[in-house]
PDB file of N, CA and C in Angstrom:
ATOM      1  N   MET A   1     219.961   7.944  13.702  1.00  0.00           N
ATOM      2  CA  MET A   1     220.399   8.536  12.480  1.00  0.00           C
ATOM      3  C   MET A   1     220.059  10.016  12.416  1.00  0.00           C
ATOM      4  N   VAL A   2     218.972  10.398  13.067  1.00  0.00           N
ATOM      5  CA  VAL A   2     218.542  11.793  13.038  1.00  0.00           C
ATOM      6  C   VAL A   2     218.619  12.367  14.444  1.00  0.00           C
ATOM      7  N   CYS A   3     219.218  13.537  14.547  1.00  0.00           N
ATOM      8  CA  CYS A   3     219.309  14.244  15.822  1.00  0.00           C
ATOM      9  C   CYS A   3     218.212  15.306  15.863  1.00  0.00           C
ATOM     10  N   TYR A   4     217.341  15.182  16.822  1.00  0.00           N
ATOM     11  CA  TYR A   4     216.213  16.100  16.947  1.00  0.00           C
ATOM     12  C   TYR A   4     216.433  17.183  17.999  1.00  0.00           C
ATOM     13  N   ASP A   5     217.603  17.236  18.604  1.00  0.00           N
ATOM     14  CA  ASP A   5     217.841  18.174  19.700  1.00  0.00           C
ATOM     15  C   ASP A   5     217.499  19.616  19.327  1.00  0.00           C
ATOM     16  N   ARG A   6     218.046  20.107  18.222  1.00  0.00           N
ATOM     17  CA  ARG A   6     217.825  21.497  17.818  1.00  0.00           C
ATOM     18  C   ARG A   6     216.368  21.717  17.425  1.00  0.00           C
ATOM     19  N   ALA A   7     215.761  20.719  16.808  1.00  0.00           N
ATOM     20  CA  ALA A   7     214.360  20.844  16.405  1.00  0.00           C
ATOM     21  C   ALA A   7     213.456  20.974  17.630  1.00  0.00           C
ATOM     22  N   PHE A   8     213.726  20.180  18.663  1.00  0.00           N
ATOM     23  CA  PHE A   8     212.918  20.269  19.878  1.00  0.00           C
ATOM     24  C   PHE A   8     213.135  21.599  20.584  1.00  0.00           C
ATOM     25  N   LEU A   9     214.368  22.064  20.622  1.00  0.00           N
ATOM     26  CA  LEU A   9     214.640  23.347  21.265  1.00  0.00           C
ATOM     27  C   LEU A   9     213.947  24.478  20.506  1.00  0.00           C
ATOM     28  N   TRP A  10     214.098  24.483  19.190  1.00  0.00           N
ATOM     29  CA  TRP A  10     213.459  25.512  18.371  1.00  0.00           C
ATOM     30  C   TRP A  10     211.937  25.466  18.541  1.00  0.00           C
ATOM     31  N   GLY A  11     211.370  24.272  18.453  1.00  0.00           N
ATOM     32  CA  GLY A  11     209.927  24.122  18.564  1.00  0.00           C
ATOM     33  C   GLY A  11     209.382  24.534  19.923  1.00  0.00           C
ATOM     34  N   ALA A  12     210.081  24.156  20.971  1.00  0.00           N
ATOM     35  CA  ALA A  12     209.638  24.523  22.320  1.00  0.00           C
ATOM     36  C   ALA A  12     209.661  26.033  22.502  1.00  0.00           C
ATOM     37  N   HIS A  13     210.646  26.692  21.907  1.00  0.00           N
ATOM     38  CA  HIS A  13     210.672  28.152  21.967  1.00  0.00           C
ATOM     39  C   HIS A  13     209.540  28.746  21.123  1.00  0.00           C
ATOM     40  N   GLN A  14     209.265  28.172  19.969  1.00  0.00           N
ATOM     41  CA  GLN A  14     208.169  28.660  19.127  1.00  0.00           C
ATOM     42  C   GLN A  14     206.829  28.571  19.855  1.00  0.00           C
ATOM     43  N   LEU A  15     206.639  27.491  20.591  1.00  0.00           N
ATOM     44  CA  LEU A  15     205.391  27.279  21.330  1.00  0.00           C
ATOM     45  C   LEU A  15     205.400  27.952  22.699  1.00  0.00           C
ATOM     46  N   GLU A  16     206.503  28.635  22.998  1.00  0.00           N
ATOM     47  CA  GLU A  16     206.676  29.337  24.276  1.00  0.00           C
ATOM     48  C   GLU A  16     206.517  28.399  25.467  1.00  0.00           C
ATOM     49  N   LEU A  17     207.102  27.219  25.337  1.00  0.00           N
ATOM     50  CA  LEU A  17     207.066  26.228  26.412  1.00  0.00           C
ATOM     51  C   LEU A  17     208.283  26.328  27.320  1.00  0.00           C
ATOM     52  N   LEU A  18     209.293  27.063  26.886  1.00  0.00           N
ATOM     53  CA  LEU A  18     210.545  27.202  27.628  1.00  0.00           C
ATOM     54  C   LEU A  18     210.898  28.672  27.779  1.00  0.00           C
ATOM     55  N   PRO A  19     211.658  28.999  28.827  1.00  0.00           N
ATOM     56  CA  PRO A  19     212.201  30.362  28.906  1.00  0.00           C
ATOM     57  C   PRO A  19     213.109  30.625  27.701  1.00  0.00           C
ATOM     58  N   LYS A  20     213.164  31.860  27.240  1.00  0.00           N
ATOM     59  CA  LYS A  20     213.959  32.198  26.055  1.00  0.00           C
ATOM     60  C   LYS A  20     215.426  31.826  26.203  1.00  0.00           C
ATOM     61  N   SER A  21     215.931  31.874  27.407  1.00  0.00           N
ATOM     62  CA  SER A  21     217.354  31.584  27.635  1.00  0.00           C
ATOM     63  C   SER A  21     217.640  30.092  27.786  1.00  0.00           C
ATOM     64  N   TYR A  22     216.609  29.262  27.777  1.00  0.00           N
ATOM     65  CA  TYR A  22     216.787  27.825  28.013  1.00  0.00           C
ATOM     66  C   TYR A  22     217.549  27.178  26.866  1.00  0.00           C
ATOM     67  N   GLU A  23     218.534  26.383  27.218  1.00  0.00           N
ATOM     68  CA  GLU A  23     219.294  25.558  26.276  1.00  0.00           C
ATOM     69  C   GLU A  23     219.284  24.139  26.820  1.00  0.00           C
ATOM     70  N   GLY A  24     219.048  23.170  25.978  1.00  0.00           N
ATOM     71  CA  GLY A  24     219.059  21.784  26.416  1.00  0.00           C
ATOM     72  C   GLY A  24     218.810  20.864  25.244  1.00  0.00           C
ATOM     73  N   ASN A  25     219.074  19.588  25.465  1.00  0.00           N
ATOM     74  CA  ASN A  25     218.830  18.609  24.409  1.00  0.00           C
ATOM     75  C   ASN A  25     217.406  18.062  24.538  1.00  0.00           C
ATOM     76  N   LYS A  26     217.062  17.150  23.665  1.00  0.00           N
ATOM     77  CA  LYS A  26     215.702  16.599  23.638  1.00  0.00           C
ATOM     78  C   LYS A  26     215.304  16.012  24.991  1.00  0.00           C
ATOM     79  N   ARG A  27     216.163  15.230  25.581  1.00  0.00           N
ATOM     80  CA  ARG A  27     215.851  14.590  26.869  1.00  0.00           C
ATOM     81  C   ARG A  27     215.669  15.639  27.969  1.00  0.00           C
ATOM     82  N   GLN A  28     216.525  16.636  27.997  1.00  0.00           N
ATOM     83  CA  GLN A  28     216.423  17.684  29.015  1.00  0.00           C
ATOM     84  C   GLN A  28     215.135  18.488  28.850  1.00  0.00           C
ATOM     85  N   ILE A  29     214.776  18.761  27.613  1.00  0.00           N
ATOM     86  CA  ILE A  29     213.523  19.476  27.350  1.00  0.00           C
ATOM     87  C   ILE A  29     212.337  18.636  27.803  1.00  0.00           C
ATOM     88  N   ARG A  30     212.355  17.361  27.469  1.00  0.00           N
ATOM     89  CA  ARG A  30     211.277  16.452  27.896  1.00  0.00           C
ATOM     90  C   ARG A  30     211.143  16.455  29.416  1.00  0.00           C
ATOM     91  N   ASP A  31     212.256  16.295  30.108  1.00  0.00           N
ATOM     92  CA  ASP A  31     212.222  16.246  31.569  1.00  0.00           C
ATOM     93  C   ASP A  31     211.740  17.566  32.167  1.00  0.00           C
ATOM     94  N   TYR A  32     212.188  18.662  31.593  1.00  0.00           N
ATOM     95  CA  TYR A  32     211.754  19.980  32.066  1.00  0.00           C
ATOM     96  C   TYR A  32     210.239  20.117  31.917  1.00  0.00           C
ATOM     97  N   LEU A  33     209.734  19.807  30.742  1.00  0.00           N
ATOM     98  CA  LEU A  33     208.297  19.956  30.501  1.00  0.00           C
ATOM     99  C   LEU A  33     207.480  19.017  31.367  1.00  0.00           C
ATOM    100  N   ARG A  34     207.898  17.783  31.461  1.00  0.00           N
ATOM    101  CA  ARG A  34     207.141  16.806  32.255  1.00  0.00           C
ATOM    102  C   ARG A  34     207.118  17.149  33.739  1.00  0.00           C
ATOM    103  N   GLY A  35     208.080  17.925  34.185  1.00  0.00           N
ATOM    104  CA  GLY A  35     208.140  18.326  35.587  1.00  0.00           C
ATOM    105  C   GLY A  35     207.232  19.498  35.928  1.00  0.00           C
ATOM    106  N   ARG A  36     206.538  20.017  34.945  1.00  0.00           N
ATOM    107  CA  ARG A  36     205.659  21.161  35.154  1.00  0.00           C
ATOM    108  C   ARG A  36     204.193  20.729  35.041  1.00  0.00           C
ATOM    109  N   LYS A  37     203.312  21.530  35.587  1.00  0.00           N
ATOM    110  CA  LYS A  37     201.877  21.241  35.482  1.00  0.00           C
ATOM    111  C   LYS A  37     201.472  21.252  34.009  1.00  0.00           C
ATOM    112  N   GLY A  38     200.776  20.212  33.577  1.00  0.00           N
ATOM    113  CA  GLY A  38     200.371  20.088  32.178  1.00  0.00           C
ATOM    114  C   GLY A  38     201.519  19.737  31.252  1.00  0.00           C
ATOM    115  N   GLY A  39     202.612  19.317  31.848  1.00  0.00           N
ATOM    116  CA  GLY A  39     203.823  19.068  31.081  1.00  0.00           C
ATOM    117  C   GLY A  39     203.748  17.901  30.119  1.00  0.00           C
ATOM    118  N   GLU A  40     203.058  16.847  30.500  1.00  0.00           N
ATOM    119  CA  GLU A  40     202.950  15.692  29.598  1.00  0.00           C
ATOM    120  C   GLU A  40     202.202  16.085  28.322  1.00  0.00           C
ATOM    121  N   GLU A  41     201.158  16.854  28.469  1.00  0.00           N
ATOM    122  CA  GLU A  41     200.405  17.320  27.302  1.00  0.00           C
ATOM    123  C   GLU A  41     201.259  18.255  26.445  1.00  0.00           C
ATOM    124  N   ALA A  42     202.023  19.131  27.092  1.00  0.00           N
ATOM    125  CA  ALA A  42     202.905  20.043  26.355  1.00  0.00           C
ATOM    126  C   ALA A  42     203.962  19.254  25.590  1.00  0.00           C
ATOM    127  N   TRP A  43     204.519  18.231  26.233  1.00  0.00           N
ATOM    128  CA  TRP A  43     205.527  17.391  25.592  1.00  0.00           C
ATOM    129  C   TRP A  43     204.930  16.681  24.374  1.00  0.00           C
ATOM    130  N   GLN A  44     203.735  16.154  24.510  1.00  0.00           N
ATOM    131  CA  GLN A  44     203.094  15.460  23.389  1.00  0.00           C
ATOM    132  C   GLN A  44     202.777  16.423  22.241  1.00  0.00           C
ATOM    133  N   LEU A  45     202.341  17.617  22.566  1.00  0.00           N
ATOM    134  CA  LEU A  45     202.095  18.634  21.544  1.00  0.00           C
ATOM    135  C   LEU A  45     203.389  18.948  20.793  1.00  0.00           C
ATOM    136  N   LEU A  46     204.457  19.149  21.541  1.00  0.00           N
ATOM    137  CA  LEU A  46     205.755  19.449  20.939  1.00  0.00           C
ATOM    138  C   LEU A  46     206.227  18.303  20.053  1.00  0.00           C
ATOM    139  N   GLN A  47     206.103  17.078  20.535  1.00  0.00           N
ATOM    140  CA  GLN A  47     206.488  15.918  19.724  1.00  0.00           C
ATOM    141  C   GLN A  47     205.720  15.884  18.402  1.00  0.00           C
ATOM    142  N   GLY A  48     204.437  16.116  18.462  1.00  0.00           N
ATOM    143  CA  GLY A  48     203.620  16.096  17.254  1.00  0.00           C
ATOM    144  C   GLY A  48     204.092  17.106  16.223  1.00  0.00           C
ATOM    145  N   GLN A  49     204.459  18.281  16.688  1.00  0.00           N
ATOM    146  CA  GLN A  49     204.931  19.319  15.773  1.00  0.00           C
ATOM    147  C   GLN A  49     206.318  18.994  15.221  1.00  0.00           C
ATOM    148  N   VAL A  50     207.223  18.563  16.094  1.00  0.00           N
ATOM    149  CA  VAL A  50     208.599  18.286  15.658  1.00  0.00           C
ATOM    150  C   VAL A  50     208.646  17.099  14.707  1.00  0.00           C
ATOM    151  N   TYR A  51     207.919  16.041  15.007  1.00  0.00           N
ATOM    152  CA  TYR A  51     207.938  14.861  14.140  1.00  0.00           C
ATOM    153  C   TYR A  51     207.021  15.027  12.923  1.00  0.00           C
ATOM    154  N   GLY A  52     206.256  16.109  12.906  1.00  0.00           N
ATOM    155  CA  GLY A  52     205.356  16.399  11.795  1.00  0.00           C
ATOM    156  C   GLY A  52     205.882  17.549  10.954  1.00  0.00           C
ATOM    157  N   ARG A  53     205.234  18.684  11.084  1.00  0.00           N
ATOM    158  CA  ARG A  53     205.546  19.798  10.182  1.00  0.00           C
ATOM    159  C   ARG A  53     206.905  20.442  10.398  1.00  0.00           C
ATOM    160  N   TRP A  54     207.546  20.200  11.540  1.00  0.00           N
ATOM    161  CA  TRP A  54     208.859  20.807  11.784  1.00  0.00           C
ATOM    162  C   TRP A  54     210.001  19.810  11.640  1.00  0.00           C
ATOM    163  N   VAL A  55     209.755  18.665  11.048  1.00  0.00           N
ATOM    164  CA  VAL A  55     210.783  17.629  10.929  1.00  0.00           C
ATOM    165  C   VAL A  55     212.002  18.130  10.154  1.00  0.00           C
ATOM    166  N   ASP A  56     211.806  19.111   9.294  1.00  0.00           N
ATOM    167  CA  ASP A  56     212.931  19.655   8.530  1.00  0.00           C
ATOM    168  C   ASP A  56     213.937  20.391   9.407  1.00  0.00           C
ATOM    169  N   ARG A  57     213.590  20.658  10.640  1.00  0.00           N
ATOM    170  CA  ARG A  57     214.510  21.296  11.586  1.00  0.00           C
ATOM    171  C   ARG A  57     215.497  20.294  12.191  1.00  0.00           C
ATOM    172  N   ALA A  58     215.236  19.017  12.033  1.00  0.00           N
ATOM    173  CA  ALA A  58     216.138  17.977  12.550  1.00  0.00           C
ATOM    174  C   ALA A  58     217.336  17.842  11.621  1.00  0.00           C
ATOM    175  N   LYS A  59     218.423  17.333  12.157  1.00  0.00           N
ATOM    176  CA  LYS A  59     219.658  17.167  11.387  1.00  0.00           C
ATOM    177  C   LYS A  59     220.142  15.730  11.487  1.00  0.00           C
ATOM    178  N   LEU A  60     220.777  15.268  10.435  1.00  0.00           N
ATOM    179  CA  LEU A  60     221.400  13.946  10.478  1.00  0.00           C
ATOM    180  C   LEU A  60     222.616  14.000  11.386  1.00  0.00           C
ATOM    181  N   PHE A  61     222.854  12.917  12.106  1.00  0.00           N
ATOM    182  CA  PHE A  61     224.078  12.836  12.896  1.00  0.00           C
ATOM    183  C   PHE A  61     225.272  12.835  11.950  1.00  0.00           C
ATOM    184  N   PRO A  62     226.410  13.369  12.395  1.00  0.00           N
ATOM    185  CA  PRO A  62     227.607  13.353  11.547  1.00  0.00           C
ATOM    186  C   PRO A  62     227.952  11.926  11.109  1.00  0.00           C
ATOM    187  N   GLY A  63     228.303  11.773   9.851  1.00  0.00           N
ATOM    188  CA  GLY A  63     228.724  10.484   9.322  1.00  0.00           C
ATOM    189  C   GLY A  63     227.615   9.602   8.788  1.00  0.00           C
ATOM    190  N   VAL A  64     226.365   9.980   8.969  1.00  0.00           N
ATOM    191  CA  VAL A  64     225.250   9.133   8.537  1.00  0.00           C
ATOM    192  C   VAL A  64     225.226   8.980   7.019  1.00  0.00           C
ATOM    193  N   VAL A  65     225.372  10.075   6.309  1.00  0.00           N
ATOM    194  CA  VAL A  65     225.329  10.003   4.842  1.00  0.00           C
ATOM    195  C   VAL A  65     226.450   9.106   4.334  1.00  0.00           C
ATOM    196  N   ARG A  66     227.634   9.291   4.859  1.00  0.00           N
ATOM    197  CA  ARG A  66     228.770   8.456   4.447  1.00  0.00           C
ATOM    198  C   ARG A  66     228.498   6.984   4.734  1.00  0.00           C
ATOM    199  N   PHE A  67     227.944   6.694   5.899  1.00  0.00           N
ATOM    200  CA  PHE A  67     227.620   5.322   6.272  1.00  0.00           C
ATOM    201  C   PHE A  67     226.604   4.715   5.302  1.00  0.00           C
ATOM    202  N   LEU A  68     225.583   5.475   4.956  1.00  0.00           N
ATOM    203  CA  LEU A  68     224.537   4.965   4.070  1.00  0.00           C
ATOM    204  C   LEU A  68     225.033   4.722   2.651  1.00  0.00           C
ATOM    205  N   TRP A  69     226.031   5.452   2.223  1.00  0.00           N
ATOM    206  CA  TRP A  69     226.550   5.295   0.868  1.00  0.00           C
ATOM    207  C   TRP A  69     227.576   4.190   0.749  1.00  0.00           C
ATOM    208  N   ARG A  70     227.917   3.548   1.829  1.00  0.00           N
ATOM    209  CA  ARG A  70     228.891   2.443   1.776  1.00  0.00           C
ATOM    210  C   ARG A  70     228.272   1.197   1.241  1.00  0.00           C
TER     211      ARG A  70
END
């Protein structure tokens, strides 16, 4: 119901975990971080921020509101 792709990208850039030019979805960001030294810890830090104080950066998938109101 919730798409976190933009939130993870924004958060990873805020934490300087990705190159500024990096574009990718949540899965691609996870794989990129996990492939680096200390990446699992960086991924967990990012998850904590995105699912916590930055959750407002996530967006509903198209059609979710309409579906819920049916």
